Amino acid sequence: TFHPVAVRDERTVYVPWIDGRAGENGPEIRIARSTDHGRSFTPSVVVARGACPCCRTALALDGSTVYVGWRDAAEGSIRDVVVPRSIDGVTWSSPVAVHADGWRIDGCPHAGPALAVTNDGRLHVAWYTGTPHGPGLHYVTADSTLTFGTPRPLLTGEWVPPSLVALAPRGGRGAAACEDRRTDAPSVSFARPQNADDAALFAGIAPALDARGDAYGLACLRGDRVLVVLETAR
């Protein structure tokens, strides 16, 4: 379940997913690679075990480096987001927590992270947390060693239900689309980068579209144009 796709070049395709067939040793995060335009795939590789079984995975590529993100399910039902890296898609580093949220929940948030790599090689991560001391959507960057900085809020408040967020690279900056589910009619907002200073990367979020139902905003780029795609249930 929850399988994104990323294409590195004309031939190489990566697909990770949550695999629940391992029983007590799972759920596993697995990834498979194709080098022939997706006609065939290598046997899947186990990236890690003990994942949250019901949150989206995320994938980002930087040349030959592959990043996968998911929500962990540590002992005590701590559901923090983690990211490892690989230079070959086969051998993986140990997962690193994006931030020690310490969010404890015995349930299925259905809200995983979003990843993007900008042309300066920095990894950008956005995610939802329901931790009582800072519920909402947050954003952080890391260098190639997965050393994460201080998270910045994208959407926070006293009550923010589980929400989805998407990221896209834009030069040395990022662009984000995120749900705001605090009202009966959810909306999708778009965060615009203001300057190259990471501390002020997102100066704020402006409401973009009334989704009129359950929504998921997907941000992508084509040249200088930013596209936000909505999935709605009417």
Protein backbone atom coordinates (compact mmCIF):
# COMPACT_ATOMS: atom_id res chain seq x y z
CA THR A 1 0.00 0.00 0.00
CA PHE A 2 0.91 3.71 -0.28
CA HIS A 3 3.34 3.51 -3.19
CA PRO A 4 4.78 6.67 -4.77
CA VAL A 5 6.88 6.61 -7.96
CA ALA A 6 9.99 8.58 -8.93
CA VAL A 7 11.87 8.57 -12.23
CA ARG A 8 15.61 9.34 -12.18
CA ASP A 9 16.27 9.34 -15.90
CA GLU A 10 14.75 7.89 -19.03
CA ARG A 11 15.28 4.32 -17.82
CA THR A 12 15.40 4.22 -14.00
CA VAL A 13 12.21 4.05 -11.94
CA TYR A 14 11.90 3.61 -8.15
CA VAL A 15 8.78 2.45 -6.29
CA PRO A 16 8.66 2.05 -2.49
CA TRP A 17 5.68 0.78 -0.51
CA ILE A 18 4.47 -0.47 2.87
CA ASP A 19 4.48 -4.27 2.91
CA GLY A 20 2.37 -6.00 5.57
CA ARG A 21 3.22 -9.61 4.68
CA ALA A 22 5.98 -9.94 7.29
CA GLY A 23 3.54 -10.44 10.16
CA GLU A 24 5.01 -9.58 13.57
CA ASN A 25 8.25 -8.39 11.92
CA GLY A 26 6.43 -5.77 9.85
CA PRO A 27 5.11 -3.71 8.39
CA GLU A 28 8.16 -3.35 6.18
CA ILE A 29 9.21 -0.50 3.92
CA ARG A 30 10.28 -2.08 0.63
CA ILE A 31 11.59 -0.58 -2.59
CA ALA A 32 12.04 -1.95 -6.10
CA ARG A 33 13.94 -0.51 -9.05
CA SER A 34 13.53 -0.71 -12.79
CA THR A 35 16.30 0.14 -15.26
CA ASP A 36 14.33 -0.53 -18.43
CA HIS A 37 11.59 2.10 -18.44
CA GLY A 38 9.45 0.12 -15.96
CA ARG A 39 9.15 -3.01 -18.10
CA SER A 40 10.67 -5.11 -15.31
CA PHE A 41 11.75 -4.57 -11.70
CA THR A 42 14.47 -5.96 -9.48
CA PRO A 43 13.44 -8.02 -6.46
CA SER A 44 12.34 -5.63 -3.73
CA VAL A 45 14.71 -4.64 -0.93
CA VAL A 46 13.69 -4.16 2.72
CA VAL A 47 14.57 -0.59 3.73
CA ALA A 48 13.31 -0.88 7.33
CA ARG A 49 10.73 -2.57 9.53
CA GLY A 50 8.22 -1.34 12.06
CA ALA A 51 6.47 1.26 9.91
CA CYS A 52 3.09 2.79 10.58
CA PRO A 53 0.81 0.62 8.40
CA CYS A 54 -1.54 3.37 7.27
CA CYS A 55 0.40 6.53 6.32
CA ARG A 56 1.65 7.49 2.88
CA THR A 57 5.30 6.94 2.02
CA ALA A 58 7.35 9.56 0.18
CA LEU A 59 10.25 9.39 -2.27
CA ALA A 60 12.83 11.86 -3.60
CA LEU A 61 15.86 11.48 -5.87
CA ASP A 62 19.09 13.48 -6.12
CA GLY A 63 21.20 12.01 -8.88
CA SER A 64 22.05 8.50 -7.71
CA THR A 65 20.96 9.24 -4.12
CA VAL A 66 17.52 7.99 -3.08
CA TYR A 67 15.53 9.20 -0.06
CA VAL A 68 12.43 7.47 1.31
CA GLY A 69 10.23 8.89 4.07
CA TRP A 70 7.49 7.32 6.18
CA ARG A 71 5.87 7.47 9.60
CA ASP A 72 7.54 5.13 12.05
CA ALA A 73 5.62 3.14 14.67
CA ALA A 74 8.10 2.96 17.52
CA GLU A 75 7.50 1.20 20.81
CA GLY A 76 4.66 2.91 22.63
CA SER A 77 2.92 3.94 19.36
CA ILE A 78 5.19 6.95 18.74
CA ARG A 79 4.45 7.97 15.14
CA ASP A 80 7.34 10.24 14.16
CA VAL A 81 8.52 10.67 10.56
CA VAL A 82 11.85 9.11 9.58
CA VAL A 83 14.07 9.23 6.48
CA PRO A 84 17.04 7.09 5.39
CA ARG A 85 19.19 7.49 2.25
CA SER A 86 20.82 5.20 -0.27
CA ILE A 87 23.33 5.79 -3.06
CA ASP A 88 22.32 2.68 -4.98
CA GLY A 89 18.71 1.96 -3.99
CA VAL A 90 19.84 -1.31 -2.37
CA THR A 91 21.93 -0.51 0.72
CA TRP A 92 20.27 1.94 3.12
CA SER A 93 21.41 4.06 6.04
CA SER A 94 19.61 3.86 9.35
CA PRO A 95 16.40 5.92 9.37
CA VAL A 96 16.79 9.37 10.98
CA ALA A 97 13.90 11.11 12.71
CA VAL A 98 12.98 14.32 10.93
CA HIS A 99 12.04 15.79 14.32
CA ALA A 100 11.38 14.29 17.74
CA ASP A 101 7.67 15.11 17.81
CA GLY A 102 6.89 12.28 20.21
CA TRP A 103 3.38 12.01 18.81
CA ARG A 104 1.67 9.05 20.45
CA ILE A 105 -1.45 7.67 18.78
CA ASP A 106 -3.04 4.22 18.73
CA GLY A 107 -4.65 4.69 15.37
CA CYS A 108 -4.15 5.48 11.69
CA PRO A 109 -3.44 9.14 10.86
CA HIS A 110 -3.39 8.48 7.08
CA ALA A 111 -1.00 11.43 6.72
CA GLY A 112 2.57 10.73 5.69
CA PRO A 113 5.48 13.05 4.85
CA ALA A 114 6.43 14.83 1.63
CA LEU A 115 10.00 14.97 0.28
CA ALA A 116 11.79 17.06 -2.33
CA VAL A 117 15.44 17.74 -3.20
CA THR A 118 16.44 21.16 -4.54
CA ASN A 119 19.31 21.82 -6.93
CA ASP A 120 21.65 22.69 -4.05
CA GLY A 121 21.37 19.10 -2.81
CA ARG A 122 19.27 19.90 0.25
CA LEU A 123 16.46 17.58 1.25
CA HIS A 124 13.16 19.31 2.06
CA VAL A 125 10.59 17.53 4.25
CA ALA A 126 7.06 18.51 5.23
CA TRP A 127 4.79 16.48 7.50
CA TYR A 128 1.82 16.46 9.85
CA THR A 129 2.07 15.85 13.57
CA GLY A 130 -0.71 15.67 16.12
CA THR A 131 1.53 16.24 19.12
CA PRO A 132 -0.33 18.37 21.71
CA HIS A 133 2.48 20.90 22.01
CA GLY A 134 2.43 21.77 18.30
CA PRO A 135 -0.20 20.07 16.12
CA GLY A 136 -0.18 20.89 12.44
CA LEU A 137 2.01 20.84 9.35
CA HIS A 138 5.72 21.55 9.65
CA TYR A 139 8.68 21.94 7.32
CA VAL A 140 12.42 21.35 7.65
CA THR A 141 15.53 20.89 5.49
CA ALA A 142 18.59 18.68 5.81
CA ASP A 143 21.97 18.30 4.17
CA SER A 144 23.11 15.10 2.47
CA THR A 145 24.12 13.60 5.84
CA LEU A 146 20.51 13.88 7.04
CA THR A 147 21.34 16.52 9.62
CA PHE A 148 18.02 18.32 10.02
CA GLY A 149 17.60 21.96 10.98
CA THR A 150 14.92 23.62 13.07
CA PRO A 151 11.37 22.92 11.81
CA ARG A 152 9.23 25.82 10.56
CA PRO A 153 5.45 25.82 10.90
CA LEU A 154 3.38 25.66 7.74
CA LEU A 155 -0.05 25.35 9.34
CA THR A 156 -0.55 25.20 13.09
CA GLY A 157 -3.22 25.93 15.68
CA GLU A 158 -4.81 24.64 18.84
CA TRP A 159 -6.57 21.99 16.77
CA VAL A 160 -5.39 20.77 13.38
CA PRO A 161 -6.72 17.40 12.18
CA PRO A 162 -4.49 15.02 10.20
CA SER A 163 -3.71 16.72 6.89
CA LEU A 164 -1.73 15.98 3.75
CA VAL A 165 1.06 18.08 2.25
CA ALA A 166 3.01 17.95 -1.01
CA LEU A 167 6.40 19.45 -1.89
CA ALA A 168 8.11 20.32 -5.14
CA PRO A 169 11.63 21.71 -5.74
CA ARG A 170 11.94 25.19 -7.16
CA GLY A 171 15.57 26.04 -7.76
CA GLY A 172 17.25 26.17 -4.35
CA ARG A 173 13.89 26.51 -2.63
CA GLY A 174 10.74 24.50 -2.14
CA ALA A 175 7.08 24.91 -2.94
CA ALA A 176 4.31 23.34 -0.86
CA ALA A 177 0.62 22.59 -1.22
CA CYS A 178 -1.26 21.54 1.88
CA GLU A 179 -4.73 20.79 3.14
CA ASP A 180 -6.48 22.91 5.72
CA ARG A 181 -9.12 20.67 7.27
CA ARG A 182 -10.11 22.89 10.19
CA THR A 183 -13.41 23.86 8.56
CA ASP A 184 -16.34 21.90 7.16
CA ALA A 185 -15.20 22.72 3.62
CA PRO A 186 -11.47 21.90 3.44
CA SER A 187 -9.26 24.12 1.33
CA VAL A 188 -5.87 23.62 -0.26
CA SER A 189 -3.28 26.31 0.37
CA PHE A 190 -0.06 27.03 -1.45
CA ALA A 191 3.14 28.17 0.27
CA ARG A 192 5.32 30.38 -1.90
CA PRO A 193 9.06 30.71 -1.28
CA GLN A 194 10.02 34.28 -0.47
CA ASN A 195 13.81 34.20 -0.60
CA ALA A 196 16.72 31.81 -0.36
CA ASP A 197 17.10 32.31 3.39
CA ASP A 198 15.91 29.07 4.98
CA ALA A 199 14.62 30.95 8.02
CA ALA A 200 12.20 32.85 5.81
CA LEU A 201 11.70 30.27 3.07
CA PHE A 202 7.95 30.34 3.52
CA ALA A 203 6.72 33.75 4.63
CA GLY A 204 3.19 32.45 4.93
CA ILE A 205 0.41 30.46 3.34
CA ALA A 206 -2.37 31.98 1.29
CA PRO A 207 -5.65 30.10 0.74
CA ALA A 208 -5.72 28.85 -2.83
CA LEU A 209 -8.77 26.76 -3.64
CA ASP A 210 -11.96 25.61 -1.98
CA ALA A 211 -11.79 21.84 -2.30
CA ARG A 212 -15.47 21.24 -1.42
CA GLY A 213 -14.77 17.83 0.08
CA ASP A 214 -11.87 15.59 0.99
CA ALA A 215 -8.86 16.98 -0.81
CA TYR A 216 -5.22 16.32 -1.46
CA GLY A 217 -3.01 18.99 -2.97
CA LEU A 218 -0.15 17.85 -5.18
CA ALA A 219 2.41 20.52 -6.08
CA CYS A 220 4.57 20.03 -9.14
CA LEU A 221 6.67 22.21 -11.41
CA ARG A 222 7.01 22.58 -15.15
CA GLY A 223 9.61 25.20 -15.95
CA ASP A 224 8.68 28.36 -14.08
CA ARG A 225 5.05 27.33 -13.70
CA VAL A 226 3.76 25.77 -10.48
CA LEU A 227 0.82 23.39 -10.78
CA VAL A 228 -1.43 22.31 -7.91
CA VAL A 229 -3.60 19.25 -8.61
CA LEU A 230 -6.62 18.53 -6.39
CA GLU A 231 -8.37 15.25 -5.72
CA THR A 232 -11.91 15.86 -4.48
CA ALA A 233 -14.89 13.83 -3.37
CA ARG A 234 -18.15 15.61 -4.14
